[in-house]
Protein backbone atom coordinates (compact mmCIF):
# COMPACT_ATOMS: atom_id res chain seq x y z
CA MET A 1 -4.27 -23.53 6.88
CA LYS A 2 -1.43 -24.07 9.25
CA LYS A 3 0.79 -21.04 9.92
CA TYR A 4 -1.29 -18.60 7.84
CA ASN A 5 -0.72 -15.03 8.90
CA PHE A 6 -3.93 -12.98 8.65
CA MET A 7 -2.17 -9.74 9.48
CA ARG A 8 -0.07 -9.60 6.30
CA PRO A 9 -2.95 -9.17 3.82
CA LEU A 10 -4.80 -6.87 6.20
CA LEU A 11 -1.72 -4.67 6.59
CA LEU A 12 -1.32 -4.55 2.81
CA ILE A 13 -4.95 -3.53 2.24
CA VAL A 14 -5.00 -0.94 5.02
CA THR A 15 -1.73 0.61 3.85
CA ALA A 16 -2.94 0.85 0.26
CA LEU A 17 -6.25 2.45 1.24
CA LEU A 18 -4.61 4.93 3.60
CA VAL A 19 -2.10 5.99 0.96
CA ARG A 20 -4.89 6.44 -1.60
CA SER A 21 -6.96 8.64 0.67
CA LEU A 22 -3.95 10.67 1.83
CA VAL A 23 -2.68 11.34 -1.69
CA THR A 24 -6.16 12.17 -2.97
CA ASN A 25 -6.75 14.63 -0.13
CA VAL A 26 -3.35 16.28 -0.61
CA CYS A 27 -4.02 16.67 -4.33
CA LEU A 28 -7.41 18.21 -3.61
CA LEU A 29 -5.86 20.61 -1.10
CA LEU A 30 -3.31 21.68 -3.70
CA GLY A 31 -6.07 22.63 -6.13
CA MET A 32 -6.53 19.58 -8.35
CA GLU A 33 -9.98 18.62 -9.51
CA ALA A 34 -11.62 15.50 -8.09
CA ASP A 35 -11.20 13.14 -11.05
CA PRO A 36 -7.46 13.66 -11.65
CA ALA A 37 -6.83 13.62 -7.89
CA SER A 38 -8.62 10.29 -7.65
CA SER A 39 -6.48 8.89 -10.49
CA VAL A 40 -3.27 10.04 -8.82
CA GLY A 41 -4.44 8.52 -5.56
CA PHE A 42 -5.15 5.22 -7.28
CA MET A 43 -1.67 5.15 -8.85
CA ALA A 44 -0.12 5.91 -5.47
CA MET A 45 -2.16 3.07 -3.95
CA ILE A 46 -0.81 0.59 -6.52
CA VAL A 47 2.79 1.74 -5.95
CA ALA A 48 2.40 1.53 -2.17
CA ALA A 49 0.92 -1.96 -2.43
CA PHE A 50 3.87 -3.16 -4.53
CA ILE A 51 6.38 -1.63 -2.12
CA VAL A 52 4.73 -3.13 0.97
CA PHE A 53 4.33 -6.52 -0.72
CA SER A 54 7.97 -6.63 -1.83
CA ARG A 55 9.23 -5.63 1.62
CA MET A 56 7.11 -8.29 3.32
CA ASN A 57 8.33 -10.97 0.94
CA LYS A 58 11.95 -9.84 1.19
CA ARG A 59 11.87 -10.36 4.96
CA ARG A 60 10.23 -13.75 4.54
CA ARG A 61 12.75 -15.06 1.98
CA LYS A 62 15.90 -14.28 3.93
CA PRO A 63 17.59 -17.48 5.08
CA SER A 64 18.02 -17.76 8.79
CA ASP A 65 21.51 -18.31 10.11
CA LYS A 66 21.32 -20.79 12.96
């Protein structure tokens, strides 16, 4: 496992969980019930994970000009 970066998957997981909890709490504060707020939080978690994953891979794929 040469050159494996442990921070990338950890950053992805932490970001997804933080977004889920933040969106769920905001929905609850705005008056949503718990079940729909949890569903919205889960959808936001999936979207955030895709965005973070695509940004991390976009940086990795860029050719370096030397």
